[in-house]
Amino acid sequence: MRRNLPFLIFSFAVLAVFVSLGNWQVRRLAEKEAYLAEIESRIGAAPTAIPAAPDPETDRFLAVTATGRLTGPEIHVLVSTRDLGAGYRVIRAFETKGRLVLADLGFIRLTDKDSPRPPRGVTLTGNLYWPDETDSYTPENDHEANIWYARDVPPLAAALGTEETMVIAREITPPNPAI
C-alpha cells in the first residue's frame, strides 16, 4: 500500500484538476450562451433613433433606424465569405439629422468595386457596432488603391470625416442592386 500512495495522491490531484476544468468549461459555456442571447435580443429588438452620444459598450448591437443620405467616397474593406469568396464590405458616410456616421452597406464582389454608387437618400435599419478586427497580423491599409483590411472605426471615421459611430445595415430602403 505504501508503494502505491504516491500514485494515488497523484491520481487524485489529476482527477481534481480535470473536475475543476470540467466545471470551468460548463460555467464558461453558460456565460457564452447568455452573452449570445443578449446579442440576439439587441440585434432583433425594435429599432430606435441613433443616440446623440452612442457609447461603444452600452450601445453595442443596438438596433437603430435613420433616414438620411449616403454621401462622399466609399472605403472598401477586403473580406471573404464562404459562399461568395473574396469581395469588399462597402463603408460610406451617412448624413442624418445634421450629423455624419459610418454606414457598413454590405458585401460586393471584387468585380463590382468600381461600379458607380452615387450619393442618394435612404433609410438605414441596422445595428450599431464598433468592430475590433485588427491585430499584429493585419496589413497596413492601401489608401491609394482604396483597399482596407479591417473595419477599425477610428481610422475609418477619420478618412471619411464622420463620428466614430458605425451602423451595420440590415436593410436599405430603397434598395440598391449594386450592393
C-alpha atoms as a PDB file:
ATOM      1  CA  MET A   1       0.000   0.000   0.000  1.00  0.00           C
ATOM      2  CA  ARG A   2       2.831   2.418   0.839  1.00  0.00           C
ATOM      3  CA  ARG A   3       4.319   1.897  -2.623  1.00  0.00           C
ATOM      4  CA  ASN A   4       1.034   2.952  -4.249  1.00  0.00           C
ATOM      5  CA  LEU A   5       0.495   6.031  -2.067  1.00  0.00           C
ATOM      6  CA  PRO A   6       2.362   8.489  -4.357  1.00  0.00           C
ATOM      7  CA  PHE A   7       0.467   7.131  -7.343  1.00  0.00           C
ATOM      8  CA  LEU A   8      -2.875   7.505  -5.514  1.00  0.00           C
ATOM      9  CA  ILE A   9      -2.073  11.066  -4.444  1.00  0.00           C
ATOM     10  CA  PHE A  10      -1.046  11.949  -7.999  1.00  0.00           C
ATOM     11  CA  SER A  11      -4.210  10.311  -9.396  1.00  0.00           C
ATOM     12  CA  PHE A  12      -6.465  12.256  -7.009  1.00  0.00           C
ATOM     13  CA  ALA A  13      -4.656  15.510  -7.885  1.00  0.00           C
ATOM     14  CA  VAL A  14      -5.120  14.870 -11.621  1.00  0.00           C
ATOM     15  CA  LEU A  15      -8.774  13.954 -11.043  1.00  0.00           C
ATOM     16  CA  ALA A  16      -9.302  17.189  -9.075  1.00  0.00           C
ATOM     17  CA  VAL A  17      -7.729  19.226 -11.886  1.00  0.00           C
ATOM     18  CA  PHE A  18      -9.932  17.539 -14.511  1.00  0.00           C
ATOM     19  CA  VAL A  19     -13.092  18.032 -12.446  1.00  0.00           C
ATOM     20  CA  SER A  20     -12.296  21.721 -11.917  1.00  0.00           C
ATOM     21  CA  LEU A  21     -11.563  22.180 -15.649  1.00  0.00           C
ATOM     22  CA  GLY A  22     -14.859  20.496 -16.497  1.00  0.00           C
ATOM     23  CA  ASN A  23     -16.747  22.791 -14.112  1.00  0.00           C
ATOM     24  CA  TRP A  24     -14.975  25.807 -15.563  1.00  0.00           C
ATOM     25  CA  GLN A  25     -15.954  24.762 -19.113  1.00  0.00           C
ATOM     26  CA  VAL A  26     -19.612  24.364 -18.097  1.00  0.00           C
ATOM     27  CA  ARG A  27     -19.630  27.814 -16.436  1.00  0.00           C
ATOM     28  CA  ARG A  28     -17.897  29.306 -19.469  1.00  0.00           C
ATOM     29  CA  LEU A  29     -20.477  27.744 -21.808  1.00  0.00           C
ATOM     30  CA  ALA A  30     -23.307  29.244 -19.755  1.00  0.00           C
ATOM     31  CA  GLU A  31     -21.635  32.692 -19.880  1.00  0.00           C
ATOM     32  CA  LYS A  32     -21.187  32.453 -23.660  1.00  0.00           C
ATOM     33  CA  GLU A  33     -24.790  31.369 -24.180  1.00  0.00           C
ATOM     34  CA  ALA A  34     -26.028  34.274 -22.046  1.00  0.00           C
ATOM     35  CA  TYR A  35     -23.822  36.724 -23.986  1.00  0.00           C
ATOM     36  CA  LEU A  36     -25.057  35.393 -27.350  1.00  0.00           C
ATOM     37  CA  ALA A  37     -28.679  35.557 -26.164  1.00  0.00           C
ATOM     38  CA  GLU A  38     -28.142  39.197 -25.157  1.00  0.00           C
ATOM     39  CA  ILE A  39     -26.654  39.977 -28.584  1.00  0.00           C
ATOM     40  CA  GLU A  40     -29.563  38.250 -30.345  1.00  0.00           C
ATOM     41  CA  SER A  41     -32.115  40.195 -28.301  1.00  0.00           C
ATOM     42  CA  ARG A  42     -30.375  43.504 -29.058  1.00  0.00           C
ATOM     43  CA  ILE A  43     -29.993  42.764 -32.761  1.00  0.00           C
ATOM     44  CA  GLY A  44     -33.620  41.703 -33.102  1.00  0.00           C
ATOM     45  CA  ALA A  45     -35.108  44.489 -30.953  1.00  0.00           C
ATOM     46  CA  ALA A  46     -37.300  47.201 -32.413  1.00  0.00           C
ATOM     47  CA  PRO A  47     -35.015  49.846 -33.936  1.00  0.00           C
ATOM     48  CA  THR A  48     -34.689  53.266 -32.316  1.00  0.00           C
ATOM     49  CA  ALA A  49     -33.053  56.510 -33.423  1.00  0.00           C
ATOM     50  CA  ILE A  50     -29.266  56.686 -33.315  1.00  0.00           C
ATOM     51  CA  PRO A  51     -28.377  58.020 -29.830  1.00  0.00           C
ATOM     52  CA  ALA A  52     -26.919  61.528 -29.668  1.00  0.00           C
ATOM     53  CA  ALA A  53     -23.768  60.252 -27.934  1.00  0.00           C
ATOM     54  CA  PRO A  54     -23.570  56.488 -28.503  1.00  0.00           C
ATOM     55  CA  ASP A  55     -21.378  54.500 -26.136  1.00  0.00           C
ATOM     56  CA  PRO A  56     -19.394  51.568 -27.592  1.00  0.00           C
ATOM     57  CA  GLU A  57     -20.138  49.422 -24.531  1.00  0.00           C
ATOM     58  CA  THR A  58     -23.761  50.150 -23.648  1.00  0.00           C
ATOM     59  CA  ASP A  59     -24.970  50.711 -27.228  1.00  0.00           C
ATOM     60  CA  ARG A  60     -23.141  47.784 -28.826  1.00  0.00           C
ATOM     61  CA  PHE A  61     -25.533  45.939 -31.197  1.00  0.00           C
ATOM     62  CA  LEU A  62     -28.305  48.486 -30.528  1.00  0.00           C
ATOM     63  CA  ALA A  63     -30.937  48.242 -33.284  1.00  0.00           C
ATOM     64  CA  VAL A  64     -31.301  51.640 -34.990  1.00  0.00           C
ATOM     65  CA  THR A  65     -33.042  53.238 -37.940  1.00  0.00           C
ATOM     66  CA  ALA A  66     -32.364  56.592 -39.569  1.00  0.00           C
ATOM     67  CA  THR A  67     -33.267  58.444 -42.731  1.00  0.00           C
ATOM     68  CA  GLY A  68     -30.596  60.427 -44.489  1.00  0.00           C
ATOM     69  CA  ARG A  69     -28.188  60.472 -47.383  1.00  0.00           C
ATOM     70  CA  LEU A  70     -25.261  58.250 -48.346  1.00  0.00           C
ATOM     71  CA  THR A  71     -22.582  60.664 -49.378  1.00  0.00           C
ATOM     72  CA  GLY A  72     -18.927  61.050 -50.244  1.00  0.00           C
ATOM     73  CA  PRO A  73     -16.423  58.398 -51.264  1.00  0.00           C
ATOM     74  CA  GLU A  74     -16.520  54.733 -50.306  1.00  0.00           C
ATOM     75  CA  ILE A  75     -13.992  52.679 -48.421  1.00  0.00           C
ATOM     76  CA  HIS A  76     -13.595  49.061 -49.472  1.00  0.00           C
ATOM     77  CA  VAL A  77     -12.667  46.545 -46.768  1.00  0.00           C
ATOM     78  CA  LEU A  78     -11.334  43.284 -48.184  1.00  0.00           C
ATOM     79  CA  VAL A  79     -13.240  40.267 -46.837  1.00  0.00           C
ATOM     80  CA  SER A  80     -14.062  36.725 -47.832  1.00  0.00           C
ATOM     81  CA  THR A  81     -17.297  34.809 -47.467  1.00  0.00           C
ATOM     82  CA  ARG A  82     -17.786  31.072 -47.591  1.00  0.00           C
ATOM     83  CA  ASP A  83     -20.436  31.221 -50.307  1.00  0.00           C
ATOM     84  CA  LEU A  84     -19.260  34.136 -52.459  1.00  0.00           C
ATOM     85  CA  GLY A  85     -15.493  34.130 -51.969  1.00  0.00           C
ATOM     86  CA  ALA A  86     -13.428  37.314 -51.882  1.00  0.00           C
ATOM     87  CA  GLY A  87     -15.021  40.738 -52.066  1.00  0.00           C
ATOM     88  CA  TYR A  88     -15.357  44.020 -50.215  1.00  0.00           C
ATOM     89  CA  ARG A  89     -17.530  45.487 -47.494  1.00  0.00           C
ATOM     90  CA  VAL A  90     -18.594  48.972 -48.573  1.00  0.00           C
ATOM     91  CA  ILE A  91     -18.221  51.637 -45.876  1.00  0.00           C
ATOM     92  CA  ARG A  92     -19.625  55.079 -46.563  1.00  0.00           C
ATOM     93  CA  ALA A  93     -20.547  58.289 -44.765  1.00  0.00           C
ATOM     94  CA  PHE A  94     -24.237  58.571 -43.896  1.00  0.00           C
ATOM     95  CA  GLU A  95     -25.637  62.038 -43.208  1.00  0.00           C
ATOM     96  CA  THR A  96     -28.667  62.087 -40.935  1.00  0.00           C
ATOM     97  CA  LYS A  97     -30.129  64.995 -38.983  1.00  0.00           C
ATOM     98  CA  GLY A  98     -27.037  67.163 -39.357  1.00  0.00           C
ATOM     99  CA  ARG A  99     -24.522  64.518 -38.337  1.00  0.00           C
ATOM    100  CA  LEU A 100     -22.277  62.112 -40.224  1.00  0.00           C
ATOM    101  CA  VAL A 101     -21.859  58.482 -39.143  1.00  0.00           C
ATOM    102  CA  LEU A 102     -20.281  55.462 -40.805  1.00  0.00           C
ATOM    103  CA  ALA A 103     -22.527  53.046 -42.677  1.00  0.00           C
ATOM    104  CA  ASP A 104     -21.437  49.490 -43.469  1.00  0.00           C
ATOM    105  CA  LEU A 105     -23.572  48.815 -46.531  1.00  0.00           C
ATOM    106  CA  GLY A 106     -22.647  45.183 -47.002  1.00  0.00           C
ATOM    107  CA  PHE A 107     -20.754  42.922 -49.376  1.00  0.00           C
ATOM    108  CA  ILE A 108     -19.889  43.438 -53.041  1.00  0.00           C
ATOM    109  CA  ARG A 109     -17.883  41.167 -55.331  1.00  0.00           C
ATOM    110  CA  LEU A 110     -14.345  42.124 -56.333  1.00  0.00           C
ATOM    111  CA  THR A 111     -15.556  42.930 -59.864  1.00  0.00           C
ATOM    112  CA  ASP A 112     -18.112  45.433 -58.523  1.00  0.00           C
ATOM    113  CA  LYS A 113     -15.570  47.611 -56.684  1.00  0.00           C
ATOM    114  CA  ASP A 114     -15.574  50.336 -59.336  1.00  0.00           C
ATOM    115  CA  SER A 115     -19.309  50.213 -60.111  1.00  0.00           C
ATOM    116  CA  PRO A 116     -20.919  53.628 -59.587  1.00  0.00           C
ATOM    117  CA  ARG A 117     -22.941  54.062 -56.419  1.00  0.00           C
ATOM    118  CA  PRO A 118     -23.880  57.751 -56.431  1.00  0.00           C
ATOM    119  CA  PRO A 119     -24.966  59.663 -53.325  1.00  0.00           C
ATOM    120  CA  ARG A 120     -28.638  59.016 -52.583  1.00  0.00           C
ATOM    121  CA  GLY A 121     -31.295  59.333 -49.941  1.00  0.00           C
ATOM    122  CA  VAL A 122     -32.071  56.167 -47.973  1.00  0.00           C
ATOM    123  CA  THR A 123     -33.469  54.822 -44.758  1.00  0.00           C
ATOM    124  CA  LEU A 124     -30.976  52.568 -42.987  1.00  0.00           C
ATOM    125  CA  THR A 125     -32.060  49.955 -40.483  1.00  0.00           C
ATOM    126  CA  GLY A 126     -29.294  48.079 -38.730  1.00  0.00           C
ATOM    127  CA  ASN A 127     -27.203  47.842 -35.613  1.00  0.00           C
ATOM    128  CA  LEU A 128     -24.525  49.975 -34.004  1.00  0.00           C
ATOM    129  CA  TYR A 129     -21.203  48.203 -33.812  1.00  0.00           C
ATOM    130  CA  TRP A 130     -17.588  49.065 -33.112  1.00  0.00           C
ATOM    131  CA  PRO A 131     -15.663  46.165 -34.695  1.00  0.00           C
ATOM    132  CA  ASP A 132     -12.291  45.171 -33.292  1.00  0.00           C
ATOM    133  CA  GLU A 133     -10.770  43.388 -36.270  1.00  0.00           C
ATOM    134  CA  THR A 134      -7.130  44.439 -36.159  1.00  0.00           C
ATOM    135  CA  ASP A 135      -4.237  42.564 -34.647  1.00  0.00           C
ATOM    136  CA  SER A 136      -0.496  42.327 -35.196  1.00  0.00           C
ATOM    137  CA  TYR A 137      -1.063  40.344 -38.423  1.00  0.00           C
ATOM    138  CA  THR A 138      -3.368  42.899 -40.059  1.00  0.00           C
ATOM    139  CA  PRO A 139      -1.589  44.510 -43.022  1.00  0.00           C
ATOM    140  CA  GLU A 140      -1.400  48.268 -43.427  1.00  0.00           C
ATOM    141  CA  ASN A 141      -4.336  49.676 -45.398  1.00  0.00           C
ATOM    142  CA  ASP A 142      -3.620  50.549 -49.032  1.00  0.00           C
ATOM    143  CA  HIS A 143      -5.152  54.034 -49.163  1.00  0.00           C
ATOM    144  CA  GLU A 144      -4.030  54.636 -52.749  1.00  0.00           C
ATOM    145  CA  ALA A 145      -5.865  51.553 -54.054  1.00  0.00           C
ATOM    146  CA  ASN A 146      -8.697  52.019 -51.516  1.00  0.00           C
ATOM    147  CA  ILE A 147      -8.232  48.555 -50.043  1.00  0.00           C
ATOM    148  CA  TRP A 148      -8.569  48.310 -46.274  1.00  0.00           C
ATOM    149  CA  TYR A 149      -8.046  45.135 -44.273  1.00  0.00           C
ATOM    150  CA  ALA A 150     -10.195  45.726 -41.200  1.00  0.00           C
ATOM    151  CA  ARG A 151     -13.199  47.718 -40.045  1.00  0.00           C
ATOM    152  CA  ASP A 152     -11.351  49.823 -37.490  1.00  0.00           C
ATOM    153  CA  VAL A 153     -13.769  52.626 -36.633  1.00  0.00           C
ATOM    154  CA  PRO A 154     -11.397  55.485 -35.636  1.00  0.00           C
ATOM    155  CA  PRO A 155      -9.312  55.392 -38.865  1.00  0.00           C
ATOM    156  CA  LEU A 156     -12.453  54.864 -40.989  1.00  0.00           C
ATOM    157  CA  ALA A 157     -14.139  57.846 -39.318  1.00  0.00           C
ATOM    158  CA  ALA A 158     -11.041  59.993 -39.830  1.00  0.00           C
ATOM    159  CA  ALA A 159     -10.826  59.023 -43.509  1.00  0.00           C
ATOM    160  CA  LEU A 160     -14.492  59.829 -44.192  1.00  0.00           C
ATOM    161  CA  GLY A 161     -14.842  62.763 -41.778  1.00  0.00           C
ATOM    162  CA  THR A 162     -17.558  61.152 -39.643  1.00  0.00           C
ATOM    163  CA  GLU A 163     -18.272  60.444 -35.990  1.00  0.00           C
ATOM    164  CA  GLU A 164     -16.749  57.257 -34.592  1.00  0.00           C
ATOM    165  CA  THR A 165     -20.111  55.502 -34.878  1.00  0.00           C
ATOM    166  CA  MET A 166     -20.888  52.696 -37.330  1.00  0.00           C
ATOM    167  CA  VAL A 167     -24.270  51.378 -38.415  1.00  0.00           C
ATOM    168  CA  ILE A 168     -24.114  47.879 -39.893  1.00  0.00           C
ATOM    169  CA  ALA A 169     -27.015  47.977 -42.368  1.00  0.00           C
ATOM    170  CA  ARG A 170     -29.533  45.133 -42.325  1.00  0.00           C
ATOM    171  CA  GLU A 171     -31.955  46.872 -44.631  1.00  0.00           C
ATOM    172  CA  ILE A 172     -31.503  49.787 -47.009  1.00  0.00           C
ATOM    173  CA  THR A 173     -34.638  51.423 -48.407  1.00  0.00           C
ATOM    174  CA  PRO A 174     -34.854  51.904 -51.321  1.00  0.00           C
ATOM    175  CA  PRO A 175     -32.502  49.015 -52.086  1.00  0.00           C
ATOM    176  CA  ASN A 176     -29.562  49.429 -54.429  1.00  0.00           C
ATOM    177  CA  PRO A 177     -28.965  46.438 -56.707  1.00  0.00           C
ATOM    178  CA  ALA A 178     -25.216  47.268 -56.749  1.00  0.00           C
ATOM    179  CA  ILE A 179     -24.900  46.420 -53.011  1.00  0.00           C
END
